[in-house]
Every structure is written in structure tokens, then in C-alpha cells.
PDB file of N, CA and C in Angstrom:
ATOM      1  N   MET A   1     -16.423  -2.429   2.914  1.00  0.00           N
ATOM      2  CA  MET A   1     -16.840  -1.232   3.637  1.00  0.00           C
ATOM      3  C   MET A   1     -15.780  -0.878   4.692  1.00  0.00           C
ATOM      4  N   PHE A   2     -15.467   0.380   4.745  1.00  0.00           N
ATOM      5  CA  PHE A   2     -14.496   0.882   5.712  1.00  0.00           C
ATOM      6  C   PHE A   2     -15.207   1.734   6.757  1.00  0.00           C
ATOM      7  N   THR A   3     -14.818   1.593   8.002  1.00  0.00           N
ATOM      8  CA  THR A   3     -15.181   2.607   8.985  1.00  0.00           C
ATOM      9  C   THR A   3     -14.255   3.788   8.734  1.00  0.00           C
ATOM     10  N   LEU A   4     -14.590   4.928   9.285  1.00  0.00           N
ATOM     11  CA  LEU A   4     -13.721   6.093   9.134  1.00  0.00           C
ATOM     12  C   LEU A   4     -12.339   5.788   9.712  1.00  0.00           C
ATOM     13  N   ALA A   5     -12.298   5.143  10.878  1.00  0.00           N
ATOM     14  CA  ALA A   5     -11.018   4.814  11.510  1.00  0.00           C
ATOM     15  C   ALA A   5     -10.189   3.884  10.625  1.00  0.00           C
ATOM     16  N   GLN A   6     -10.814   2.896  10.012  1.00  0.00           N
ATOM     17  CA  GLN A   6     -10.097   1.980   9.124  1.00  0.00           C
ATOM     18  C   GLN A   6      -9.552   2.710   7.902  1.00  0.00           C
ATOM     19  N   ALA A   7     -10.361   3.573   7.330  1.00  0.00           N
ATOM     20  CA  ALA A   7      -9.927   4.326   6.153  1.00  0.00           C
ATOM     21  C   ALA A   7      -8.761   5.246   6.508  1.00  0.00           C
ATOM     22  N   ARG A   8      -8.854   5.908   7.660  1.00  0.00           N
ATOM     23  CA  ARG A   8      -7.754   6.784   8.091  1.00  0.00           C
ATOM     24  C   ARG A   8      -6.478   5.994   8.322  1.00  0.00           C
ATOM     25  N   HIS A   9      -6.606   4.831   8.938  1.00  0.00           N
ATOM     26  CA  HIS A   9      -5.427   3.992   9.183  1.00  0.00           C
ATOM     27  C   HIS A   9      -4.800   3.553   7.856  1.00  0.00           C
ATOM     28  N   LEU A  10      -5.625   3.157   6.912  1.00  0.00           N
ATOM     29  CA  LEU A  10      -5.109   2.690   5.629  1.00  0.00           C
ATOM     30  C   LEU A  10      -4.430   3.819   4.856  1.00  0.00           C
ATOM     31  N   ILE A  11      -5.021   5.013   4.860  1.00  0.00           N
ATOM     32  CA  ILE A  11      -4.400   6.134   4.143  1.00  0.00           C
ATOM     33  C   ILE A  11      -3.050   6.478   4.786  1.00  0.00           C
ATOM     34  N   ALA A  12      -2.981   6.404   6.120  1.00  0.00           N
ATOM     35  CA  ALA A  12      -1.706   6.674   6.803  1.00  0.00           C
ATOM     36  C   ALA A  12      -0.670   5.602   6.465  1.00  0.00           C
ATOM     37  N   THR A  13      -1.093   4.359   6.409  1.00  0.00           N
ATOM     38  CA  THR A  13      -0.198   3.262   6.087  1.00  0.00           C
ATOM     39  C   THR A  13       0.313   3.360   4.656  1.00  0.00           C
ATOM     40  N   LEU A  14      -0.558   3.749   3.738  1.00  0.00           N
ATOM     41  CA  LEU A  14      -0.205   3.806   2.317  1.00  0.00           C
ATOM     42  C   LEU A  14       0.378   5.147   1.892  1.00  0.00           C
ATOM     43  N   ARG A  15       0.470   6.082   2.789  1.00  0.00           N
ATOM     44  CA  ARG A  15       0.930   7.430   2.437  1.00  0.00           C
ATOM     45  C   ARG A  15       2.287   7.448   1.735  1.00  0.00           C
ATOM     46  N   PRO A  16       3.271   6.650   2.168  1.00  0.00           N
ATOM     47  CA  PRO A  16       4.541   6.652   1.423  1.00  0.00           C
ATOM     48  C   PRO A  16       4.365   6.211  -0.032  1.00  0.00           C
ATOM     49  N   ARG A  17       3.492   5.269  -0.298  1.00  0.00           N
ATOM     50  CA  ARG A  17       3.248   4.814  -1.674  1.00  0.00           C
ATOM     51  C   ARG A  17       2.524   5.897  -2.479  1.00  0.00           C
ATOM     52  N   ILE A  18       1.598   6.605  -1.829  1.00  0.00           N
ATOM     53  CA  ILE A  18       0.877   7.690  -2.505  1.00  0.00           C
ATOM     54  C   ILE A  18       1.852   8.821  -2.824  1.00  0.00           C
ATOM     55  N   ASP A  19       2.726   9.135  -1.878  1.00  0.00           N
ATOM     56  CA  ASP A  19       3.739  10.171  -2.130  1.00  0.00           C
ATOM     57  C   ASP A  19       4.663   9.761  -3.278  1.00  0.00           C
ATOM     58  N   GLU A  20       5.004   8.481  -3.336  1.00  0.00           N
ATOM     59  CA  GLU A  20       5.824   7.978  -4.436  1.00  0.00           C
ATOM     60  C   GLU A  20       5.082   8.123  -5.767  1.00  0.00           C
ATOM     61  N   LEU A  21       3.788   7.834  -5.774  1.00  0.00           N
ATOM     62  CA  LEU A  21       2.976   7.986  -6.980  1.00  0.00           C
ATOM     63  C   LEU A  21       3.013   9.430  -7.472  1.00  0.00           C
ATOM     64  N   ILE A  22       2.932  10.375  -6.562  1.00  0.00           N
ATOM     65  CA  ILE A  22       2.936  11.792  -6.931  1.00  0.00           C
ATOM     66  C   ILE A  22       4.271  12.184  -7.565  1.00  0.00           C
ATOM     67  N   VAL A  23       5.381  11.689  -7.012  1.00  0.00           N
ATOM     68  CA  VAL A  23       6.696  11.970  -7.582  1.00  0.00           C
ATOM     69  C   VAL A  23       6.833  11.322  -8.961  1.00  0.00           C
ATOM     70  N   LEU A  24       6.401  10.066  -9.082  1.00  0.00           N
ATOM     71  CA  LEU A  24       6.472   9.374 -10.368  1.00  0.00           C
ATOM     72  C   LEU A  24       5.640  10.094 -11.422  1.00  0.00           C
ATOM     73  N   ARG A  25       4.464  10.554 -11.022  1.00  0.00           N
ATOM     74  CA  ARG A  25       3.585  11.287 -11.951  1.00  0.00           C
ATOM     75  C   ARG A  25       4.284  12.535 -12.473  1.00  0.00           C
ATOM     76  N   ALA A  26       4.945  13.279 -11.587  1.00  0.00           N
ATOM     77  CA  ALA A  26       5.651  14.500 -11.991  1.00  0.00           C
ATOM     78  C   ALA A  26       6.841  14.173 -12.895  1.00  0.00           C
ATOM     79  N   ASP A  27       7.592  13.149 -12.524  1.00  0.00           N
ATOM     80  CA  ASP A  27       8.732  12.739 -13.359  1.00  0.00           C
ATOM     81  C   ASP A  27       8.258  12.336 -14.752  1.00  0.00           C
ATOM     82  N   LEU A  28       7.181  11.577 -14.816  1.00  0.00           N
ATOM     83  CA  LEU A  28       6.663  11.117 -16.098  1.00  0.00           C
ATOM     84  C   LEU A  28       6.184  12.296 -16.945  1.00  0.00           C
ATOM     85  N   ALA A  29       5.499  13.245 -16.324  1.00  0.00           N
ATOM     86  CA  ALA A  29       5.020  14.422 -17.058  1.00  0.00           C
ATOM     87  C   ALA A  29       6.198  15.219 -17.620  1.00  0.00           C
ATOM     88  N   GLU A  30       7.230  15.416 -16.800  1.00  0.00           N
ATOM     89  CA  GLU A  30       8.402  16.174 -17.242  1.00  0.00           C
ATOM     90  C   GLU A  30       9.147  15.430 -18.350  1.00  0.00           C
ATOM     91  N   LEU A  31       9.307  14.137 -18.184  1.00  0.00           N
ATOM     92  CA  LEU A  31       9.999  13.337 -19.185  1.00  0.00           C
ATOM     93  C   LEU A  31       9.255  13.365 -20.517  1.00  0.00           C
ATOM     94  N   ARG A  32       7.960  13.195 -20.482  1.00  0.00           N
ATOM     95  CA  ARG A  32       7.171  13.235 -21.722  1.00  0.00           C
ATOM     96  C   ARG A  32       7.249  14.611 -22.385  1.00  0.00           C
ATOM     97  N   ALA A  33       7.180  15.673 -21.583  1.00  0.00           N
ATOM     98  CA  ALA A  33       7.247  17.026 -22.136  1.00  0.00           C
ATOM     99  C   ALA A  33       8.599  17.263 -22.809  1.00  0.00           C
ATOM    100  N   ASP A  34       9.679  16.856 -22.132  1.00  0.00           N
ATOM    101  CA  ASP A  34      11.014  17.017 -22.711  1.00  0.00           C
ATOM    102  C   ASP A  34      11.142  16.255 -24.030  1.00  0.00           C
ATOM    103  N   LEU A  35      10.676  15.020 -24.033  1.00  0.00           N
ATOM    104  CA  LEU A  35      10.806  14.197 -25.239  1.00  0.00           C
ATOM    105  C   LEU A  35       9.974  14.762 -26.379  1.00  0.00           C
ATOM    106  N   THR A  36       8.809  15.305 -26.067  1.00  0.00           N
ATOM    107  CA  THR A  36       7.956  15.904 -27.093  1.00  0.00           C
ATOM    108  C   THR A  36       8.573  17.189 -27.627  1.00  0.00           C
ATOM    109  N   ASP A  37       9.075  18.037 -26.725  1.00  0.00           N
ATOM    110  CA  ASP A  37       9.610  19.338 -27.126  1.00  0.00           C
ATOM    111  C   ASP A  37      10.990  19.254 -27.774  1.00  0.00           C
ATOM    112  N   ARG A  38      11.878  18.438 -27.173  1.00  0.00           N
ATOM    113  CA  ARG A  38      13.275  18.450 -27.612  1.00  0.00           C
ATOM    114  C   ARG A  38      13.783  17.093 -28.086  1.00  0.00           C
ATOM    115  N   GLY A  39      13.031  16.048 -27.839  1.00  0.00           N
ATOM    116  CA  GLY A  39      13.465  14.719 -28.244  1.00  0.00           C
ATOM    117  C   GLY A  39      14.444  14.064 -27.285  1.00  0.00           C
ATOM    118  N   VAL A  40      14.880  14.811 -26.265  1.00  0.00           N
ATOM    119  CA  VAL A  40      15.790  14.279 -25.247  1.00  0.00           C
ATOM    120  C   VAL A  40      15.372  14.820 -23.882  1.00  0.00           C
ATOM    121  N   SER A  41      15.818  14.118 -22.849  1.00  0.00           N
ATOM    122  CA  SER A  41      15.519  14.562 -21.487  1.00  0.00           C
ATOM    123  C   SER A  41      16.606  14.077 -20.544  1.00  0.00           C
ATOM    124  N   PRO A  42      16.953  14.890 -19.552  1.00  0.00           N
ATOM    125  CA  PRO A  42      17.908  14.410 -18.550  1.00  0.00           C
ATOM    126  C   PRO A  42      17.334  13.240 -17.742  1.00  0.00           C
ATOM    127  N   LEU A  43      16.002  13.042 -17.816  1.00  0.00           N
ATOM    128  CA  LEU A  43      15.365  11.942 -17.093  1.00  0.00           C
ATOM    129  C   LEU A  43      15.385  10.638 -17.874  1.00  0.00           C
ATOM    130  N   GLY A  44      15.831  10.674 -19.139  1.00  0.00           N
ATOM    131  CA  GLY A  44      15.928   9.451 -19.916  1.00  0.00           C
ATOM    132  C   GLY A  44      15.166   9.521 -21.221  1.00  0.00           C
ATOM    133  N   GLY A  45      14.798   8.350 -21.704  1.00  0.00           N
ATOM    134  CA  GLY A  45      14.107   8.240 -22.980  1.00  0.00           C
ATOM    135  C   GLY A  45      12.883   7.347 -22.864  1.00  0.00           C
ATOM    136  N   LEU A  46      12.545   6.695 -23.951  1.00  0.00           N
ATOM    137  CA  LEU A  46      11.346   5.867 -24.003  1.00  0.00           C
ATOM    138  C   LEU A  46      11.378   4.738 -22.973  1.00  0.00           C
ATOM    139  N   ALA A  47      12.542   4.131 -22.770  1.00  0.00           N
ATOM    140  CA  ALA A  47      12.641   3.052 -21.778  1.00  0.00           C
ATOM    141  C   ALA A  47      12.279   3.557 -20.384  1.00  0.00           C
ATOM    142  N   GLU A  48      12.713   4.775 -20.059  1.00  0.00           N
ATOM    143  CA  GLU A  48      12.394   5.349 -18.751  1.00  0.00           C
ATOM    144  C   GLU A  48      10.913   5.702 -18.657  1.00  0.00           C
ATOM    145  N   VAL A  49      10.317   6.156 -19.770  1.00  0.00           N
ATOM    146  CA  VAL A  49       8.866   6.409 -19.795  1.00  0.00           C
ATOM    147  C   VAL A  49       8.136   5.129 -19.429  1.00  0.00           C
ATOM    148  N   LYS A  50       8.489   4.043 -20.099  1.00  0.00           N
ATOM    149  CA  LYS A  50       7.822   2.756 -19.854  1.00  0.00           C
ATOM    150  C   LYS A  50       8.052   2.280 -18.419  1.00  0.00           C
ATOM    151  N   GLY A  51       9.248   2.486 -17.909  1.00  0.00           N
ATOM    152  CA  GLY A  51       9.548   2.102 -16.530  1.00  0.00           C
ATOM    153  C   GLY A  51       8.731   2.891 -15.521  1.00  0.00           C
ATOM    154  N   LEU A  52       8.646   4.201 -15.734  1.00  0.00           N
ATOM    155  CA  LEU A  52       7.843   5.046 -14.843  1.00  0.00           C
ATOM    156  C   LEU A  52       6.371   4.661 -14.914  1.00  0.00           C
ATOM    157  N   GLU A  53       5.877   4.431 -16.123  1.00  0.00           N
ATOM    158  CA  GLU A  53       4.477   4.017 -16.274  1.00  0.00           C
ATOM    159  C   GLU A  53       4.212   2.712 -15.521  1.00  0.00           C
ATOM    160  N   ALA A  54       5.109   1.764 -15.638  1.00  0.00           N
ATOM    161  CA  ALA A  54       4.922   0.478 -14.962  1.00  0.00           C
ATOM    162  C   ALA A  54       4.911   0.646 -13.444  1.00  0.00           C
ATOM    163  N   ARG A  55       5.817   1.444 -12.923  1.00  0.00           N
ATOM    164  CA  ARG A  55       5.853   1.684 -11.469  1.00  0.00           C
ATOM    165  C   ARG A  55       4.609   2.408 -10.997  1.00  0.00           C
ATOM    166  N   LEU A  56       4.181   3.391 -11.769  1.00  0.00           N
ATOM    167  CA  LEU A  56       2.998   4.173 -11.419  1.00  0.00           C
ATOM    168  C   LEU A  56       1.747   3.286 -11.422  1.00  0.00           C
ATOM    169  N   PHE A  57       1.571   2.501 -12.476  1.00  0.00           N
ATOM    170  CA  PHE A  57       0.401   1.634 -12.548  1.00  0.00           C
ATOM    171  C   PHE A  57       0.452   0.540 -11.492  1.00  0.00           C
ATOM    172  N   GLY A  58       1.641   0.131 -11.092  1.00  0.00           N
ATOM    173  CA  GLY A  58       1.771  -0.824  -9.996  1.00  0.00           C
ATOM    174  C   GLY A  58       1.224  -0.274  -8.695  1.00  0.00           C
ATOM    175  N   ILE A  59       1.509   0.987  -8.429  1.00  0.00           N
ATOM    176  CA  ILE A  59       0.984   1.618  -7.215  1.00  0.00           C
ATOM    177  C   ILE A  59      -0.535   1.756  -7.306  1.00  0.00           C
ATOM    178  N   LEU A  60      -1.046   2.143  -8.465  1.00  0.00           N
ATOM    179  CA  LEU A  60      -2.497   2.253  -8.630  1.00  0.00           C
ATOM    180  C   LEU A  60      -3.172   0.901  -8.407  1.00  0.00           C
ATOM    181  N   GLU A  61      -2.579  -0.167  -8.922  1.00  0.00           N
ATOM    182  CA  GLU A  61      -3.126  -1.508  -8.699  1.00  0.00           C
ATOM    183  C   GLU A  61      -3.077  -1.889  -7.229  1.00  0.00           C
ATOM    184  N   GLU A  62      -2.017  -1.495  -6.560  1.00  0.00           N
ATOM    185  CA  GLU A  62      -1.903  -1.760  -5.125  1.00  0.00           C
ATOM    186  C   GLU A  62      -3.038  -1.078  -4.365  1.00  0.00           C
ATOM    187  N   LEU A  63      -3.324   0.170  -4.717  1.00  0.00           N
ATOM    188  CA  LEU A  63      -4.407   0.898  -4.050  1.00  0.00           C
ATOM    189  C   LEU A  63      -5.749   0.219  -4.294  1.00  0.00           C
ATOM    190  N   THR A  64      -6.036  -0.117  -5.532  1.00  0.00           N
ATOM    191  CA  THR A  64      -7.322  -0.756  -5.827  1.00  0.00           C
ATOM    192  C   THR A  64      -7.390  -2.149  -5.209  1.00  0.00           C
ATOM    193  N   GLY A  65      -6.246  -2.781  -5.001  1.00  0.00           N
ATOM    194  CA  GLY A  65      -6.210  -4.069  -4.327  1.00  0.00           C
ATOM    195  C   GLY A  65      -6.640  -4.003  -2.882  1.00  0.00           C
ATOM    196  N   HIS A  66      -6.611  -2.817  -2.316  1.00  0.00           N
ATOM    197  CA  HIS A  66      -7.088  -2.588  -0.947  1.00  0.00           C
ATOM    198  C   HIS A  66      -8.562  -2.142  -0.936  1.00  0.00           C
ATOM    199  N   ASP A  67      -9.231  -2.256  -2.071  1.00  0.00           N
ATOM    200  CA  ASP A  67     -10.634  -1.830  -2.233  1.00  0.00           C
ATOM    201  C   ASP A  67     -10.809  -0.315  -2.149  1.00  0.00           C
ATOM    202  N   ILE A  68      -9.735   0.401  -2.434  1.00  0.00           N
ATOM    203  CA  ILE A  68      -9.800   1.853  -2.532  1.00  0.00           C
ATOM    204  C   ILE A  68     -10.205   2.192  -3.957  1.00  0.00           C
ATOM    205  N   GLN A  69     -11.109   3.152  -4.097  1.00  0.00           N
ATOM    206  CA  GLN A  69     -11.522   3.612  -5.422  1.00  0.00           C
ATOM    207  C   GLN A  69     -10.642   4.799  -5.808  1.00  0.00           C
ATOM    208  N   VAL A  70      -9.875   4.638  -6.868  1.00  0.00           N
ATOM    209  CA  VAL A  70      -9.034   5.732  -7.365  1.00  0.00           C
ATOM    210  C   VAL A  70      -9.889   6.532  -8.329  1.00  0.00           C
ATOM    211  N   LYS A  71     -10.275   7.734  -7.909  1.00  0.00           N
ATOM    212  CA  LYS A  71     -11.168   8.569  -8.710  1.00  0.00           C
ATOM    213  C   LYS A  71     -10.434   9.637  -9.493  1.00  0.00           C
ATOM    214  N   GLY A  72      -9.206   9.889  -9.100  1.00  0.00           N
ATOM    215  CA  GLY A  72      -8.422  10.903  -9.796  1.00  0.00           C
ATOM    216  C   GLY A  72      -6.952  10.592  -9.675  1.00  0.00           C
ATOM    217  N   PHE A  73      -6.220  11.097 -10.652  1.00  0.00           N
ATOM    218  CA  PHE A  73      -4.802  10.811 -10.753  1.00  0.00           C
ATOM    219  C   PHE A  73      -3.973  12.086 -10.645  1.00  0.00           C
ATOM    220  N   ALA A  74      -4.521  13.186 -11.118  1.00  0.00           N
ATOM    221  CA  ALA A  74      -3.829  14.474 -11.068  1.00  0.00           C
ATOM    222  C   ALA A  74      -4.866  15.568 -10.854  1.00  0.00           C
ATOM    223  N   PRO A  75      -5.177  15.881  -9.635  1.00  0.00           N
ATOM    224  CA  PRO A  75      -4.612  15.387  -8.384  1.00  0.00           C
ATOM    225  C   PRO A  75      -5.161  14.005  -8.010  1.00  0.00           C
ATOM    226  N   VAL A  76      -4.438  13.351  -7.099  1.00  0.00           N
ATOM    227  CA  VAL A  76      -4.872  12.045  -6.607  1.00  0.00           C
ATOM    228  C   VAL A  76      -6.136  12.224  -5.779  1.00  0.00           C
ATOM    229  N   LEU A  77      -7.155  11.445  -6.108  1.00  0.00           N
ATOM    230  CA  LEU A  77      -8.430  11.472  -5.381  1.00  0.00           C
ATOM    231  C   LEU A  77      -8.813  10.034  -5.073  1.00  0.00           C
ATOM    232  N   LEU A  78      -8.911   9.715  -3.787  1.00  0.00           N
ATOM    233  CA  LEU A  78      -9.198   8.357  -3.344  1.00  0.00           C
ATOM    234  C   LEU A  78     -10.484   8.324  -2.540  1.00  0.00           C
ATOM    235  N   ASP A  79     -11.315   7.327  -2.814  1.00  0.00           N
ATOM    236  CA  ASP A  79     -12.556   7.123  -2.072  1.00  0.00           C
ATOM    237  C   ASP A  79     -12.532   5.749  -1.419  1.00  0.00           C
ATOM    238  N   PHE A  80     -13.053   5.706  -0.208  1.00  0.00           N
ATOM    239  CA  PHE A  80     -13.134   4.494   0.590  1.00  0.00           C
ATOM    240  C   PHE A  80     -14.601   4.246   0.901  1.00  0.00           C
ATOM    241  N   PRO A  81     -15.217   3.199   0.357  1.00  0.00           N
ATOM    242  CA  PRO A  81     -16.637   2.943   0.619  1.00  0.00           C
ATOM    243  C   PRO A  81     -16.883   2.734   2.111  1.00  0.00           C
ATOM    244  N   GLY A  82     -17.927   3.366   2.606  1.00  0.00           N
ATOM    245  CA  GLY A  82     -18.285   3.240   4.010  1.00  0.00           C
ATOM    246  C   GLY A  82     -19.752   3.544   4.228  1.00  0.00           C
ATOM    247  N   GLU A  83     -20.067   3.816   5.478  1.00  0.00           N
ATOM    248  CA  GLU A  83     -21.444   4.120   5.847  1.00  0.00           C
ATOM    249  C   GLU A  83     -21.438   5.184   6.932  1.00  0.00           C
ATOM    250  N   ARG A  84     -22.368   6.097   6.835  1.00  0.00           N
ATOM    251  CA  ARG A  84     -22.525   7.156   7.837  1.00  0.00           C
ATOM    252  C   ARG A  84     -24.015   7.368   8.037  1.00  0.00           C
ATOM    253  N   ASP A  85     -24.450   7.288   9.271  1.00  0.00           N
ATOM    254  CA  ASP A  85     -25.863   7.469   9.602  1.00  0.00           C
ATOM    255  C   ASP A  85     -26.768   6.563   8.765  1.00  0.00           C
ATOM    256  N   GLY A  86     -26.320   5.326   8.538  1.00  0.00           N
ATOM    257  CA  GLY A  86     -27.116   4.360   7.806  1.00  0.00           C
ATOM    258  C   GLY A  86     -27.138   4.539   6.296  1.00  0.00           C
ATOM    259  N   ARG A  87     -26.379   5.479   5.788  1.00  0.00           N
ATOM    260  CA  ARG A  87     -26.326   5.725   4.332  1.00  0.00           C
ATOM    261  C   ARG A  87     -24.962   5.355   3.796  1.00  0.00           C
ATOM    262  N   PRO A  88     -24.932   4.820   2.561  1.00  0.00           N
ATOM    263  CA  PRO A  88     -23.626   4.573   1.947  1.00  0.00           C
ATOM    264  C   PRO A  88     -22.932   5.896   1.617  1.00  0.00           C
ATOM    265  N   VAL A  89     -21.673   5.967   2.000  1.00  0.00           N
ATOM    266  CA  VAL A  89     -20.865   7.155   1.722  1.00  0.00           C
ATOM    267  C   VAL A  89     -19.517   6.709   1.197  1.00  0.00           C
ATOM    268  N   LEU A  90     -18.774   7.667   0.713  1.00  0.00           N
ATOM    269  CA  LEU A  90     -17.385   7.454   0.344  1.00  0.00           C
ATOM    270  C   LEU A  90     -16.547   8.407   1.187  1.00  0.00           C
ATOM    271  N   TRP A  91     -15.678   7.828   2.032  1.00  0.00           N
ATOM    272  CA  TRP A  91     -14.704   8.643   2.749  1.00  0.00           C
ATOM    273  C   TRP A  91     -13.713   9.113   1.693  1.00  0.00           C
ATOM    274  N   CYS A  92     -13.453  10.393   1.651  1.00  0.00           N
ATOM    275  CA  CYS A  92     -12.823  11.004   0.486  1.00  0.00           C
ATOM    276  C   CYS A  92     -11.510  11.691   0.872  1.00  0.00           C
ATOM    277  N   TRP A  93     -10.420  11.293   0.203  1.00  0.00           N
ATOM    278  CA  TRP A  93      -9.125  11.912   0.416  1.00  0.00           C
ATOM    279  C   TRP A  93      -8.639  12.493  -0.904  1.00  0.00           C
ATOM    280  N   LEU A  94      -8.271  13.770  -0.865  1.00  0.00           N
ATOM    281  CA  LEU A  94      -7.772  14.483  -2.033  1.00  0.00           C
ATOM    282  C   LEU A  94      -6.322  14.878  -1.781  1.00  0.00           C
ATOM    283  N   GLU A  95      -5.488  14.699  -2.787  1.00  0.00           N
ATOM    284  CA  GLU A  95      -4.087  15.097  -2.681  1.00  0.00           C
ATOM    285  C   GLU A  95      -4.005  16.492  -2.070  1.00  0.00           C
ATOM    286  N   GLY A  96      -3.172  16.620  -1.056  1.00  0.00           N
ATOM    287  CA  GLY A  96      -3.035  17.885  -0.343  1.00  0.00           C
ATOM    288  C   GLY A  96      -3.730  17.868   1.014  1.00  0.00           C
ATOM    289  N   ASP A  97      -4.706  16.961   1.180  1.00  0.00           N
ATOM    290  CA  ASP A  97      -5.367  16.822   2.485  1.00  0.00           C
ATOM    291  C   ASP A  97      -4.366  16.216   3.461  1.00  0.00           C
ATOM    292  N   SER A  98      -4.313  16.764   4.673  1.00  0.00           N
ATOM    293  CA  SER A  98      -3.390  16.223   5.668  1.00  0.00           C
ATOM    294  C   SER A  98      -3.929  14.945   6.297  1.00  0.00           C
ATOM    295  N   ASP A  99      -5.252  14.802   6.281  1.00  0.00           N
ATOM    296  CA  ASP A  99      -5.902  13.651   6.898  1.00  0.00           C
ATOM    297  C   ASP A  99      -7.151  13.326   6.086  1.00  0.00           C
ATOM    298  N   LEU A 100      -7.712  12.180   6.326  1.00  0.00           N
ATOM    299  CA  LEU A 100      -8.963  11.827   5.679  1.00  0.00           C
ATOM    300  C   LEU A 100     -10.078  12.483   6.506  1.00  0.00           C
ATOM    301  N   GLY A 101     -10.520  13.646   6.081  1.00  0.00           N
ATOM    302  CA  GLY A 101     -11.474  14.425   6.856  1.00  0.00           C
ATOM    303  C   GLY A 101     -12.729  14.792   6.093  1.00  0.00           C
ATOM    304  N   TRP A 102     -12.997  14.102   4.980  1.00  0.00           N
ATOM    305  CA  TRP A 102     -14.136  14.428   4.138  1.00  0.00           C
ATOM    306  C   TRP A 102     -14.902  13.164   3.765  1.00  0.00           C
ATOM    307  N   TYR A 103     -16.139  13.338   3.411  1.00  0.00           N
ATOM    308  CA  TYR A 103     -16.956  12.253   2.880  1.00  0.00           C
ATOM    309  C   TYR A 103     -17.989  12.854   1.942  1.00  0.00           C
ATOM    310  N   HIS A 104     -18.604  12.000   1.155  1.00  0.00           N
ATOM    311  CA  HIS A 104     -19.765  12.426   0.375  1.00  0.00           C
ATOM    312  C   HIS A 104     -20.668  11.225   0.173  1.00  0.00           C
ATOM    313  N   ARG A 105     -21.943  11.499   0.069  1.00  0.00           N
ATOM    314  CA  ARG A 105     -22.872  10.423  -0.231  1.00  0.00           C
ATOM    315  C   ARG A 105     -22.538   9.879  -1.614  1.00  0.00           C
ATOM    316  N   VAL A 106     -22.749   8.598  -1.780  1.00  0.00           N
ATOM    317  CA  VAL A 106     -22.388   7.938  -3.035  1.00  0.00           C
ATOM    318  C   VAL A 106     -23.059   8.616  -4.227  1.00  0.00           C
ATOM    319  N   GLU A 107     -24.329   8.920  -4.097  1.00  0.00           N
ATOM    320  CA  GLU A 107     -25.080   9.476  -5.225  1.00  0.00           C
ATOM    321  C   GLU A 107     -24.789  10.954  -5.482  1.00  0.00           C
ATOM    322  N   CYS A 108     -24.070  11.614  -4.578  1.00  0.00           N
ATOM    323  CA  CYS A 108     -23.798  13.049  -4.739  1.00  0.00           C
ATOM    324  C   CYS A 108     -22.445  13.329  -5.388  1.00  0.00           C
ATOM    325  N   GLY A 109     -21.539  12.379  -5.319  1.00  0.00           N
ATOM    326  CA  GLY A 109     -20.225  12.584  -5.906  1.00  0.00           C
ATOM    327  C   GLY A 109     -19.430  13.667  -5.195  1.00  0.00           C
ATOM    328  N   PHE A 110     -18.317  14.038  -5.813  1.00  0.00           N
ATOM    329  CA  PHE A 110     -17.379  14.983  -5.210  1.00  0.00           C
ATOM    330  C   PHE A 110     -18.034  16.311  -4.873  1.00  0.00           C
ATOM    331  N   SER A 111     -18.991  16.732  -5.674  1.00  0.00           N
ATOM    332  CA  SER A 111     -19.636  18.026  -5.410  1.00  0.00           C
ATOM    333  C   SER A 111     -20.429  18.028  -4.111  1.00  0.00           C
ATOM    334  N   GLY A 112     -20.735  16.847  -3.570  1.00  0.00           N
ATOM    335  CA  GLY A 112     -21.421  16.745  -2.295  1.00  0.00           C
ATOM    336  C   GLY A 112     -20.476  16.537  -1.119  1.00  0.00           C
ATOM    337  N   ARG A 113     -19.208  16.779  -1.335  1.00  0.00           N
ATOM    338  CA  ARG A 113     -18.177  16.548  -0.319  1.00  0.00           C
ATOM    339  C   ARG A 113     -18.406  17.430   0.904  1.00  0.00           C
ATOM    340  N   ARG A 114     -18.354  16.783   2.079  1.00  0.00           N
ATOM    341  CA  ARG A 114     -18.552  17.480   3.359  1.00  0.00           C
ATOM    342  C   ARG A 114     -17.464  17.059   4.334  1.00  0.00           C
ATOM    343  N   ARG A 115     -17.200  17.944   5.286  1.00  0.00           N
ATOM    344  CA  ARG A 115     -16.268  17.608   6.368  1.00  0.00           C
ATOM    345  C   ARG A 115     -16.905  16.536   7.251  1.00  0.00           C
ATOM    346  N   VAL A 116     -16.053  15.652   7.751  1.00  0.00           N
ATOM    347  CA  VAL A 116     -16.505  14.594   8.671  1.00  0.00           C
ATOM    348  C   VAL A 116     -16.999  15.236   9.945  1.00  0.00           C
TER     349      VAL A 116
END
């Protein structure tokens, strides 16, 4: 369980890794598209695909190792289990958010997302 302050601190600490994940995701998408369309890419070939996948999955494992729930990959959606007013909630960070400023009750999911 994370307090809001703990979740915010962790997202700030891990932000460089999350930003790296976003770049790797884009590189991998472009590389796969090039290889599918033309069979070649300035980003490399199959070995580079496998390398990017390994780096990307390493970051995802790192996030889950911190007890963060990775709910989305494109866009990145991260949930941090916590409690608010005696109820279980998930502090919710979506790619593009400047700060962890949202939560939702566990049973409501993303559609129940509210500002902190």
C-alpha cells in the first residue's frame, strides 16, 4: 500500500525510466513498421527488435518490482495501491500527466478516475 506522498515520490524517482520506456516503445514500433513494410530499417533488424524488447520488458519488470501495477503500455498507465477515506484506491498516473494527481476506487477502474 502506498500513501499518496509515497506514490508521488516513487513516480518522480522512476520518471527517467518511464521516459526511457516511452522512447523504446516508439523506436520498437517504428522498427517493426519499417521491417514489415520494407524489410529494412535505419534502426536495425531483428536483433535490434529483440534488444529493444528486452530493454522494454526489463523496465516493465522494474516497475512491477516496486509493486506498481502496469495497466497500460501505450499510453503508459500506472496504478499504485493505496487507501483514501478508508477505502482501497489506486493512485493513478497516465502518460502525459505532470504529476500523480488522480485516483480511482479499485472496483470502479479507470472510468471512475477522479482528481486527488
